[in-house]
């Protein structure tokens, strides 16, 4: 079949752009700019997996372009005509052995890292973990700090270098809690309390969001994350206690109604509110906790 020269030129021009998109070479890829130990390990796993896959993908793409160019229909073509050729042990070995070895390597690495990065596994640190109870609402996030006795909406502040133990649930359709520069996402589900450990190693402001479709305003379910020194964190907690109102059961019921919200805080919240939210839909089931802990 004769391919018009203009079409061949367009394909040749688009190929570099296509390869660029396939390799993910775009600016501001925050998952490749980790700010904590979990995100660093996940970044390394992404890069290693990509390099291993490239062992197969890159040669295939190059050979595809060469074959298309070499065996294109043209006058005076001198390609060898071998209608009875059907097998080459050497070629069969190459194109079966390499993918098998790559898949085995990927499988071993993925299994090892999956166990190492178990979300409910506590992080090794001399610092005592900070507990934050997270509730996904339509269309906002409620953060409770049980040890500090405060709560916030769409605003998360944590001390740098301190492991954070997130307990995550939902009083809305299933969502996914995600802070890309600190670690991977984990589902927020009604009737369940999932456990996720993350840590920020340096001060800064990061982006967090809901990564699961939950209706009309799901795109507004993002929140600000700020890592700060312990002294600054303590000052922030004191400021919330002095300037913000308390969250009541009636106030929570209004907050849980579908709506968007600006970031704000509460100086107190009803005792056992998080457990009440979890038990609202089903018996308590906690990811990463024993049955005695759940009781």
C-alpha atoms as a PDB file:
ATOM      1  CA  UNK A   1       0.000   0.000   0.000  1.00  0.00           C
ATOM      2  CA  UNK A   2       1.371   3.426  -0.948  1.00  0.00           C
ATOM      3  CA  UNK A   3       1.386   5.845   1.995  1.00  0.00           C
ATOM      4  CA  UNK A   4       1.272   9.550   1.020  1.00  0.00           C
ATOM      5  CA  UNK A   5       4.492  11.410   1.763  1.00  0.00           C
ATOM      6  CA  UNK A   6       2.610  14.037   3.794  1.00  0.00           C
ATOM      7  CA  UNK A   7       1.182  11.339   6.078  1.00  0.00           C
ATOM      8  CA  UNK A   8       4.586   9.739   6.523  1.00  0.00           C
ATOM      9  CA  UNK A   9       6.051  13.144   7.387  1.00  0.00           C
ATOM     10  CA  UNK A  10       3.318  13.774   9.960  1.00  0.00           C
ATOM     11  CA  UNK A  11       3.921  10.392  11.604  1.00  0.00           C
ATOM     12  CA  UNK A  12       7.664  11.059  11.762  1.00  0.00           C
ATOM     13  CA  UNK A  13       7.044  14.457  13.352  1.00  0.00           C
ATOM     14  CA  UNK A  14       4.619  13.057  15.947  1.00  0.00           C
ATOM     15  CA  UNK A  15       6.831  10.154  17.013  1.00  0.00           C
ATOM     16  CA  UNK A  16       9.203  12.177  19.233  1.00  0.00           C
ATOM     17  CA  UNK A  17       6.253  13.861  20.976  1.00  0.00           C
ATOM     18  CA  UNK A  18       4.575  10.496  21.504  1.00  0.00           C
ATOM     19  CA  UNK A  19       7.724   9.030  23.016  1.00  0.00           C
ATOM     20  CA  UNK A  20       8.047  12.070  25.284  1.00  0.00           C
ATOM     21  CA  UNK A  21       4.509  11.619  26.592  1.00  0.00           C
ATOM     22  CA  UNK A  22       4.983   7.884  27.061  1.00  0.00           C
ATOM     23  CA  UNK A  23       8.055   8.409  29.207  1.00  0.00           C
ATOM     24  CA  UNK A  24       6.181  10.945  31.347  1.00  0.00           C
ATOM     25  CA  UNK A  25       8.736  13.726  30.757  1.00  0.00           C
ATOM     26  CA  UNK A  26       6.544  16.623  31.813  1.00  0.00           C
ATOM     27  CA  UNK A  27       7.230  19.418  34.265  1.00  0.00           C
ATOM     28  CA  UNK A  28       6.138  19.483  37.911  1.00  0.00           C
ATOM     29  CA  UNK A  29       5.631  15.748  38.429  1.00  0.00           C
ATOM     30  CA  UNK A  30       5.207  15.941  42.196  1.00  0.00           C
ATOM     31  CA  UNK A  31       5.290  12.163  42.744  1.00  0.00           C
ATOM     32  CA  UNK A  32       8.929  12.340  41.586  1.00  0.00           C
ATOM     33  CA  UNK A  33       9.693  15.087  44.122  1.00  0.00           C
ATOM     34  CA  UNK A  34       9.266  13.228  47.434  1.00  0.00           C
ATOM     35  CA  UNK A  35       9.464  14.978  50.799  1.00  0.00           C
ATOM     36  CA  UNK A  36       9.266  11.945  53.068  1.00  0.00           C
ATOM     37  CA  UNK A  37      10.658   8.402  53.497  1.00  0.00           C
ATOM     38  CA  UNK A  38       7.582   6.598  52.126  1.00  0.00           C
ATOM     39  CA  UNK A  39       7.364   8.787  49.022  1.00  0.00           C
ATOM     40  CA  UNK A  40      11.112   8.354  48.421  1.00  0.00           C
ATOM     41  CA  UNK A  41      10.822   4.564  48.375  1.00  0.00           C
ATOM     42  CA  UNK A  42       7.784   4.751  46.097  1.00  0.00           C
ATOM     43  CA  UNK A  43       9.638   7.123  43.750  1.00  0.00           C
ATOM     44  CA  UNK A  44      12.581   4.712  43.563  1.00  0.00           C
ATOM     45  CA  UNK A  45      10.186   1.834  42.804  1.00  0.00           C
ATOM     46  CA  UNK A  46       8.545   3.841  39.986  1.00  0.00           C
ATOM     47  CA  UNK A  47      11.926   4.676  38.419  1.00  0.00           C
ATOM     48  CA  UNK A  48      13.271   1.126  38.739  1.00  0.00           C
ATOM     49  CA  UNK A  49      10.091  -0.392  37.260  1.00  0.00           C
ATOM     50  CA  UNK A  50      10.185   2.083  34.372  1.00  0.00           C
ATOM     51  CA  UNK A  51      13.822   1.267  33.601  1.00  0.00           C
ATOM     52  CA  UNK A  52      13.144  -2.479  33.670  1.00  0.00           C
ATOM     53  CA  UNK A  53      10.140  -2.093  31.365  1.00  0.00           C
ATOM     54  CA  UNK A  54      12.246   0.070  29.042  1.00  0.00           C
ATOM     55  CA  UNK A  55      14.504  -2.926  28.409  1.00  0.00           C
ATOM     56  CA  UNK A  56      11.604  -4.359  26.387  1.00  0.00           C
ATOM     57  CA  UNK A  57       9.680  -1.261  25.303  1.00  0.00           C
ATOM     58  CA  UNK A  58      12.527   0.843  23.898  1.00  0.00           C
ATOM     59  CA  UNK A  59      13.988  -1.863  21.589  1.00  0.00           C
ATOM     60  CA  UNK A  60      10.482  -2.756  20.383  1.00  0.00           C
ATOM     61  CA  UNK A  61       9.725   0.866  19.493  1.00  0.00           C
ATOM     62  CA  UNK A  62      13.074   1.268  17.734  1.00  0.00           C
ATOM     63  CA  UNK A  63      12.700  -1.992  15.804  1.00  0.00           C
ATOM     64  CA  UNK A  64       9.138  -1.054  14.845  1.00  0.00           C
ATOM     65  CA  UNK A  65      10.341   2.206  13.299  1.00  0.00           C
ATOM     66  CA  UNK A  66      13.240   0.433  11.543  1.00  0.00           C
ATOM     67  CA  UNK A  67      10.995  -2.304  10.113  1.00  0.00           C
ATOM     68  CA  UNK A  68       8.418   0.207   8.872  1.00  0.00           C
ATOM     69  CA  UNK A  69      11.157   2.235   7.168  1.00  0.00           C
ATOM     70  CA  UNK A  70      13.208  -0.719   5.886  1.00  0.00           C
ATOM     71  CA  UNK A  71      10.310  -2.661   4.377  1.00  0.00           C
ATOM     72  CA  UNK A  72       8.207   0.228   3.108  1.00  0.00           C
ATOM     73  CA  UNK A  73       6.862  -0.031  -0.431  1.00  0.00           C
ATOM     74  CA  UNK A  74       9.191   1.765  -2.828  1.00  0.00           C
ATOM     75  CA  UNK A  75      10.696   1.387  -6.259  1.00  0.00           C
ATOM     76  CA  UNK A  76      13.891  -0.639  -6.489  1.00  0.00           C
ATOM     77  CA  UNK A  77      13.381  -2.312  -3.112  1.00  0.00           C
ATOM     78  CA  UNK A  78      16.126  -4.906  -2.488  1.00  0.00           C
ATOM     79  CA  UNK A  79      14.878  -6.598   0.672  1.00  0.00           C
ATOM     80  CA  UNK A  80      15.442 -10.348   0.683  1.00  0.00           C
ATOM     81  CA  UNK A  81      12.388 -12.424  -0.235  1.00  0.00           C
ATOM     82  CA  UNK A  82      12.251 -15.558   1.961  1.00  0.00           C
ATOM     83  CA  UNK A  83       8.733 -17.028   1.734  1.00  0.00           C
ATOM     84  CA  UNK A  84       9.700 -20.332   3.428  1.00  0.00           C
ATOM     85  CA  UNK A  85      11.469 -18.843   6.492  1.00  0.00           C
ATOM     86  CA  UNK A  86       9.516 -19.658   9.642  1.00  0.00           C
ATOM     87  CA  UNK A  87      11.830 -20.198  12.627  1.00  0.00           C
ATOM     88  CA  UNK A  88      15.006 -18.957  14.300  1.00  0.00           C
ATOM     89  CA  UNK A  89      16.057 -20.486  17.604  1.00  0.00           C
ATOM     90  CA  UNK A  90      18.296 -17.529  18.369  1.00  0.00           C
ATOM     91  CA  UNK A  91      15.539 -14.956  17.822  1.00  0.00           C
ATOM     92  CA  UNK A  92      12.952 -17.016  19.706  1.00  0.00           C
ATOM     93  CA  UNK A  93      15.329 -17.244  22.678  1.00  0.00           C
ATOM     94  CA  UNK A  94      15.937 -13.498  22.681  1.00  0.00           C
ATOM     95  CA  UNK A  95      12.357 -12.303  22.454  1.00  0.00           C
ATOM     96  CA  UNK A  96      11.078 -14.820  25.025  1.00  0.00           C
ATOM     97  CA  UNK A  97      13.957 -14.890  27.519  1.00  0.00           C
ATOM     98  CA  UNK A  98      14.325 -11.123  27.976  1.00  0.00           C
ATOM     99  CA  UNK A  99      10.629 -10.415  28.791  1.00  0.00           C
ATOM    100  CA  UNK A 100      10.515 -13.426  31.140  1.00  0.00           C
ATOM    101  CA  UNK A 101      13.580 -12.189  33.037  1.00  0.00           C
ATOM    102  CA  UNK A 102      12.139  -8.669  33.218  1.00  0.00           C
ATOM    103  CA  UNK A 103       8.799  -9.960  34.552  1.00  0.00           C
ATOM    104  CA  UNK A 104      10.562 -12.097  37.167  1.00  0.00           C
ATOM    105  CA  UNK A 105      12.655  -9.131  38.305  1.00  0.00           C
ATOM    106  CA  UNK A 106       9.591  -6.874  38.452  1.00  0.00           C
ATOM    107  CA  UNK A 107       7.646  -9.509  40.396  1.00  0.00           C
ATOM    108  CA  UNK A 108      10.356 -10.004  43.015  1.00  0.00           C
ATOM    109  CA  UNK A 109      10.925  -6.267  43.484  1.00  0.00           C
ATOM    110  CA  UNK A 110       7.201  -5.473  43.617  1.00  0.00           C
ATOM    111  CA  UNK A 111       6.421  -8.176  46.190  1.00  0.00           C
ATOM    112  CA  UNK A 112       9.340  -7.110  48.374  1.00  0.00           C
ATOM    113  CA  UNK A 113       8.381  -3.427  48.242  1.00  0.00           C
ATOM    114  CA  UNK A 114       4.684  -4.179  48.770  1.00  0.00           C
ATOM    115  CA  UNK A 115       5.462  -5.767  52.132  1.00  0.00           C
ATOM    116  CA  UNK A 116       8.030  -3.089  53.020  1.00  0.00           C
ATOM    117  CA  UNK A 117       5.545  -0.296  52.262  1.00  0.00           C
ATOM    118  CA  UNK A 118       2.531  -1.810  54.041  1.00  0.00           C
ATOM    119  CA  UNK A 119       0.507   1.350  54.910  1.00  0.00           C
ATOM    120  CA  UNK A 120      -0.230   0.355  58.521  1.00  0.00           C
ATOM    121  CA  UNK A 121       3.414  -0.466  59.285  1.00  0.00           C
ATOM    122  CA  UNK A 122       4.788   2.065  61.815  1.00  0.00           C
ATOM    123  CA  UNK A 123       7.775   4.122  60.713  1.00  0.00           C
ATOM    124  CA  UNK A 124      11.047   3.727  62.584  1.00  0.00           C
ATOM    125  CA  UNK A 125      11.629   6.927  64.520  1.00  0.00           C
ATOM    126  CA  UNK A 126      12.669   8.188  67.930  1.00  0.00           C
ATOM    127  CA  UNK A 127       9.731  10.599  67.740  1.00  0.00           C
ATOM    128  CA  UNK A 128       6.319   9.605  69.055  1.00  0.00           C
ATOM    129  CA  UNK A 129       3.809   9.369  66.163  1.00  0.00           C
ATOM    130  CA  UNK A 130       1.181  12.084  65.828  1.00  0.00           C
ATOM    131  CA  UNK A 131      -2.342  10.708  65.374  1.00  0.00           C
ATOM    132  CA  UNK A 132      -4.676  12.428  62.925  1.00  0.00           C
ATOM    133  CA  UNK A 133      -8.178  11.096  62.319  1.00  0.00           C
ATOM    134  CA  UNK A 134      -9.362  11.793  58.772  1.00  0.00           C
ATOM    135  CA  UNK A 135     -12.974  11.752  57.601  1.00  0.00           C
ATOM    136  CA  UNK A 136     -13.928  12.123  53.946  1.00  0.00           C
ATOM    137  CA  UNK A 137     -17.133  14.145  53.551  1.00  0.00           C
ATOM    138  CA  UNK A 138     -19.030  15.414  50.512  1.00  0.00           C
ATOM    139  CA  UNK A 139     -17.060  17.501  49.435  1.00  0.00           C
ATOM    140  CA  UNK A 140     -14.519  18.311  52.116  1.00  0.00           C
ATOM    141  CA  UNK A 141     -12.047  16.713  54.542  1.00  0.00           C
ATOM    142  CA  UNK A 142     -12.344  16.747  58.339  1.00  0.00           C
ATOM    143  CA  UNK A 143      -9.119  16.309  60.318  1.00  0.00           C
ATOM    144  CA  UNK A 144      -9.281  15.538  64.043  1.00  0.00           C
ATOM    145  CA  UNK A 145      -6.237  15.749  66.314  1.00  0.00           C
ATOM    146  CA  UNK A 146      -7.298  13.639  69.326  1.00  0.00           C
ATOM    147  CA  UNK A 147      -4.147  14.331  71.351  1.00  0.00           C
ATOM    148  CA  UNK A 148      -4.375  18.088  70.780  1.00  0.00           C
ATOM    149  CA  UNK A 149      -8.177  18.222  71.060  1.00  0.00           C
ATOM    150  CA  UNK A 150      -8.684  20.293  67.897  1.00  0.00           C
ATOM    151  CA  UNK A 151     -10.167  19.692  64.443  1.00  0.00           C
ATOM    152  CA  UNK A 152      -9.801  21.358  61.045  1.00  0.00           C
ATOM    153  CA  UNK A 153     -11.543  21.302  57.679  1.00  0.00           C
ATOM    154  CA  UNK A 154      -9.444  21.174  54.488  1.00  0.00           C
ATOM    155  CA  UNK A 155      -6.304  22.119  56.429  1.00  0.00           C
ATOM    156  CA  UNK A 156      -3.649  19.710  57.640  1.00  0.00           C
ATOM    157  CA  UNK A 157      -0.571  20.821  59.568  1.00  0.00           C
ATOM    158  CA  UNK A 158       2.079  18.407  60.839  1.00  0.00           C
ATOM    159  CA  UNK A 159       5.491  18.742  62.522  1.00  0.00           C
ATOM    160  CA  UNK A 160       8.444  17.846  60.306  1.00  0.00           C
ATOM    161  CA  UNK A 161      10.414  14.707  61.097  1.00  0.00           C
ATOM    162  CA  UNK A 162       7.532  13.235  63.115  1.00  0.00           C
ATOM    163  CA  UNK A 163       5.688  10.105  61.909  1.00  0.00           C
ATOM    164  CA  UNK A 164       1.980  10.766  61.385  1.00  0.00           C
ATOM    165  CA  UNK A 165      -0.477   7.980  62.025  1.00  0.00           C
ATOM    166  CA  UNK A 166      -3.558   8.658  59.915  1.00  0.00           C
ATOM    167  CA  UNK A 167      -6.803   6.878  60.802  1.00  0.00           C
ATOM    168  CA  UNK A 168      -9.007   7.271  57.734  1.00  0.00           C
ATOM    169  CA  UNK A 169     -12.721   6.721  57.215  1.00  0.00           C
ATOM    170  CA  UNK A 170     -15.623   8.234  55.232  1.00  0.00           C
ATOM    171  CA  UNK A 171     -19.058   9.604  56.016  1.00  0.00           C
ATOM    172  CA  UNK A 172     -19.764   9.830  52.290  1.00  0.00           C
ATOM    173  CA  UNK A 173     -19.172   7.766  49.136  1.00  0.00           C
ATOM    174  CA  UNK A 174     -15.817   5.971  49.037  1.00  0.00           C
ATOM    175  CA  UNK A 175     -12.893   8.296  48.403  1.00  0.00           C
ATOM    176  CA  UNK A 176      -9.112   8.059  48.345  1.00  0.00           C
ATOM    177  CA  UNK A 177      -6.780  10.047  50.625  1.00  0.00           C
ATOM    178  CA  UNK A 178      -3.624  11.175  48.836  1.00  0.00           C
ATOM    179  CA  UNK A 179      -0.657  13.459  49.577  1.00  0.00           C
ATOM    180  CA  UNK A 180       1.581  12.706  46.541  1.00  0.00           C
ATOM    181  CA  UNK A 181       4.833  14.130  47.951  1.00  0.00           C
ATOM    182  CA  UNK A 182       4.504  12.146  51.190  1.00  0.00           C
ATOM    183  CA  UNK A 183       3.175   8.787  49.979  1.00  0.00           C
ATOM    184  CA  UNK A 184       0.670   6.813  47.977  1.00  0.00           C
ATOM    185  CA  UNK A 185      -3.084   6.969  48.282  1.00  0.00           C
ATOM    186  CA  UNK A 186      -5.294   4.820  50.480  1.00  0.00           C
ATOM    187  CA  UNK A 187      -9.067   4.402  50.332  1.00  0.00           C
ATOM    188  CA  UNK A 188     -11.427   6.146  52.732  1.00  0.00           C
ATOM    189  CA  UNK A 189     -14.494   3.930  53.195  1.00  0.00           C
ATOM    190  CA  UNK A 190     -17.567   4.197  55.375  1.00  0.00           C
ATOM    191  CA  UNK A 191     -17.749   1.657  58.171  1.00  0.00           C
ATOM    192  CA  UNK A 192     -13.977   1.119  58.099  1.00  0.00           C
ATOM    193  CA  UNK A 193     -10.931   2.811  59.623  1.00  0.00           C
ATOM    194  CA  UNK A 194      -7.798   2.481  57.499  1.00  0.00           C
ATOM    195  CA  UNK A 195      -4.347   3.153  58.940  1.00  0.00           C
ATOM    196  CA  UNK A 196      -1.641   5.006  57.030  1.00  0.00           C
ATOM    197  CA  UNK A 197       1.780   6.144  58.261  1.00  0.00           C
ATOM    198  CA  UNK A 198       3.468   9.095  56.539  1.00  0.00           C
ATOM    199  CA  UNK A 199       6.197  11.550  57.417  1.00  0.00           C
ATOM    200  CA  UNK A 200       7.497  14.880  56.098  1.00  0.00           C
ATOM    201  CA  UNK A 201      11.260  15.271  56.402  1.00  0.00           C
ATOM    202  CA  UNK A 202      11.449  18.987  55.666  1.00  0.00           C
ATOM    203  CA  UNK A 203       9.257  22.056  56.187  1.00  0.00           C
ATOM    204  CA  UNK A 204       7.090  23.132  53.297  1.00  0.00           C
ATOM    205  CA  UNK A 205       3.600  23.260  51.827  1.00  0.00           C
ATOM    206  CA  UNK A 206       2.257  20.253  49.950  1.00  0.00           C
ATOM    207  CA  UNK A 207      -0.888  19.401  48.036  1.00  0.00           C
ATOM    208  CA  UNK A 208      -3.410  16.817  49.204  1.00  0.00           C
ATOM    209  CA  UNK A 209      -6.620  15.666  47.576  1.00  0.00           C
ATOM    210  CA  UNK A 210      -9.318  13.109  47.157  1.00  0.00           C
ATOM    211  CA  UNK A 211      -8.272  10.803  44.322  1.00  0.00           C
ATOM    212  CA  UNK A 212     -11.616   9.097  43.760  1.00  0.00           C
ATOM    213  CA  UNK A 213     -14.728  10.374  41.993  1.00  0.00           C
ATOM    214  CA  UNK A 214     -17.406  11.257  44.548  1.00  0.00           C
ATOM    215  CA  UNK A 215     -19.876  13.426  42.714  1.00  0.00           C
ATOM    216  CA  UNK A 216     -20.446  16.967  41.485  1.00  0.00           C
ATOM    217  CA  UNK A 217     -17.742  18.847  43.396  1.00  0.00           C
ATOM    218  CA  UNK A 218     -15.166  16.076  43.826  1.00  0.00           C
ATOM    219  CA  UNK A 219     -12.585  18.260  42.038  1.00  0.00           C
ATOM    220  CA  UNK A 220     -12.732  20.701  44.961  1.00  0.00           C
ATOM    221  CA  UNK A 221     -11.815  18.013  47.488  1.00  0.00           C
ATOM    222  CA  UNK A 222      -8.247  19.159  47.918  1.00  0.00           C
ATOM    223  CA  UNK A 223      -6.561  20.381  51.083  1.00  0.00           C
ATOM    224  CA  UNK A 224      -3.417  22.211  52.126  1.00  0.00           C
ATOM    225  CA  UNK A 225      -0.695  20.279  53.922  1.00  0.00           C
ATOM    226  CA  UNK A 226       2.007  22.204  55.772  1.00  0.00           C
ATOM    227  CA  UNK A 227       5.038  20.681  57.458  1.00  0.00           C
ATOM    228  CA  UNK A 228       6.565  22.914  60.135  1.00  0.00           C
ATOM    229  CA  UNK A 229       8.796  22.869  63.183  1.00  0.00           C
ATOM    230  CA  UNK A 230       7.418  21.456  66.416  1.00  0.00           C
ATOM    231  CA  UNK A 231       7.337  24.918  68.006  1.00  0.00           C
ATOM    232  CA  UNK A 232       5.381  26.350  65.071  1.00  0.00           C
ATOM    233  CA  UNK A 233       2.978  23.399  65.222  1.00  0.00           C
ATOM    234  CA  UNK A 234       2.376  23.960  68.947  1.00  0.00           C
ATOM    235  CA  UNK A 235       1.734  27.672  68.298  1.00  0.00           C
ATOM    236  CA  UNK A 236      -0.739  26.791  65.558  1.00  0.00           C
ATOM    237  CA  UNK A 237      -2.598  24.402  67.898  1.00  0.00           C
ATOM    238  CA  UNK A 238      -2.780  27.097  70.596  1.00  0.00           C
ATOM    239  CA  UNK A 239      -4.107  29.571  68.026  1.00  0.00           C
ATOM    240  CA  UNK A 240      -6.878  27.178  66.957  1.00  0.00           C
ATOM    241  CA  UNK A 241      -7.879  26.643  70.601  1.00  0.00           C
ATOM    242  CA  UNK A 242      -8.037  30.392  71.306  1.00  0.00           C
ATOM    243  CA  UNK A 243      -9.734  31.678  68.174  1.00  0.00           C
ATOM    244  CA  UNK A 244     -11.956  28.889  66.799  1.00  0.00           C
ATOM    245  CA  UNK A 245     -15.387  27.667  67.942  1.00  0.00           C
ATOM    246  CA  UNK A 246     -16.038  24.147  69.205  1.00  0.00           C
ATOM    247  CA  UNK A 247     -17.518  21.501  66.929  1.00  0.00           C
ATOM    248  CA  UNK A 248     -20.768  20.078  68.291  1.00  0.00           C
ATOM    249  CA  UNK A 249     -22.772  17.074  67.146  1.00  0.00           C
ATOM    250  CA  UNK A 250     -25.271  19.444  65.539  1.00  0.00           C
ATOM    251  CA  UNK A 251     -22.410  21.292  63.881  1.00  0.00           C
ATOM    252  CA  UNK A 252     -20.965  18.050  62.553  1.00  0.00           C
ATOM    253  CA  UNK A 253     -24.344  17.004  61.159  1.00  0.00           C
ATOM    254  CA  UNK A 254     -24.481  20.270  59.220  1.00  0.00           C
ATOM    255  CA  UNK A 255     -20.852  19.872  58.135  1.00  0.00           C
ATOM    256  CA  UNK A 256     -21.497  16.354  56.833  1.00  0.00           C
ATOM    257  CA  UNK A 257     -24.175  17.567  54.425  1.00  0.00           C
ATOM    258  CA  UNK A 258     -23.003  17.734  50.789  1.00  0.00           C
ATOM    259  CA  UNK A 259     -21.313  21.106  50.264  1.00  0.00           C
ATOM    260  CA  UNK A 260     -17.933  22.673  49.598  1.00  0.00           C
ATOM    261  CA  UNK A 261     -16.073  24.508  52.357  1.00  0.00           C
ATOM    262  CA  UNK A 262     -13.151  26.832  52.957  1.00  0.00           C
ATOM    263  CA  UNK A 263     -10.394  25.849  55.387  1.00  0.00           C
ATOM    264  CA  UNK A 264     -11.272  26.522  59.035  1.00  0.00           C
ATOM    265  CA  UNK A 265     -10.717  25.050  62.494  1.00  0.00           C
ATOM    266  CA  UNK A 266     -12.478  23.959  65.676  1.00  0.00           C
ATOM    267  CA  UNK A 267     -11.148  24.371  69.206  1.00  0.00           C
ATOM    268  CA  UNK A 268     -12.789  21.111  70.337  1.00  0.00           C
ATOM    269  CA  UNK A 269     -14.938  18.251  69.072  1.00  0.00           C
ATOM    270  CA  UNK A 270     -17.236  15.669  70.696  1.00  0.00           C
ATOM    271  CA  UNK A 271     -15.367  12.822  72.354  1.00  0.00           C
ATOM    272  CA  UNK A 272     -15.517   9.631  70.304  1.00  0.00           C
ATOM    273  CA  UNK A 273     -16.726  11.419  67.163  1.00  0.00           C
ATOM    274  CA  UNK A 274     -14.434   9.448  64.859  1.00  0.00           C
ATOM    275  CA  UNK A 275     -15.518   6.106  66.320  1.00  0.00           C
ATOM    276  CA  UNK A 276     -19.133   7.189  66.058  1.00  0.00           C
ATOM    277  CA  UNK A 277     -18.643   7.934  62.348  1.00  0.00           C
ATOM    278  CA  UNK A 278     -17.009   4.536  61.751  1.00  0.00           C
ATOM    279  CA  UNK A 279     -19.696   2.631  63.656  1.00  0.00           C
ATOM    280  CA  UNK A 280     -22.465   4.584  61.964  1.00  0.00           C
ATOM    281  CA  UNK A 281     -22.517   2.160  59.019  1.00  0.00           C
ATOM    282  CA  UNK A 282     -21.039  -1.112  60.242  1.00  0.00           C
ATOM    283  CA  UNK A 283     -19.210  -2.877  63.040  1.00  0.00           C
ATOM    284  CA  UNK A 284     -15.752  -1.395  63.515  1.00  0.00           C
ATOM    285  CA  UNK A 285     -13.136  -2.824  61.178  1.00  0.00           C
ATOM    286  CA  UNK A 286      -9.681  -1.303  61.443  1.00  0.00           C
ATOM    287  CA  UNK A 287      -6.921  -1.864  58.919  1.00  0.00           C
ATOM    288  CA  UNK A 288      -3.685  -2.538  60.779  1.00  0.00           C
ATOM    289  CA  UNK A 289      -5.245  -3.066  64.241  1.00  0.00           C
ATOM    290  CA  UNK A 290      -6.009  -6.191  66.221  1.00  0.00           C
ATOM    291  CA  UNK A 291      -9.528  -7.082  67.306  1.00  0.00           C
ATOM    292  CA  UNK A 292      -8.666  -6.093  70.899  1.00  0.00           C
ATOM    293  CA  UNK A 293      -7.473  -2.661  69.740  1.00  0.00           C
ATOM    294  CA  UNK A 294     -10.675  -2.213  67.765  1.00  0.00           C
ATOM    295  CA  UNK A 295     -12.730  -2.961  70.880  1.00  0.00           C
END
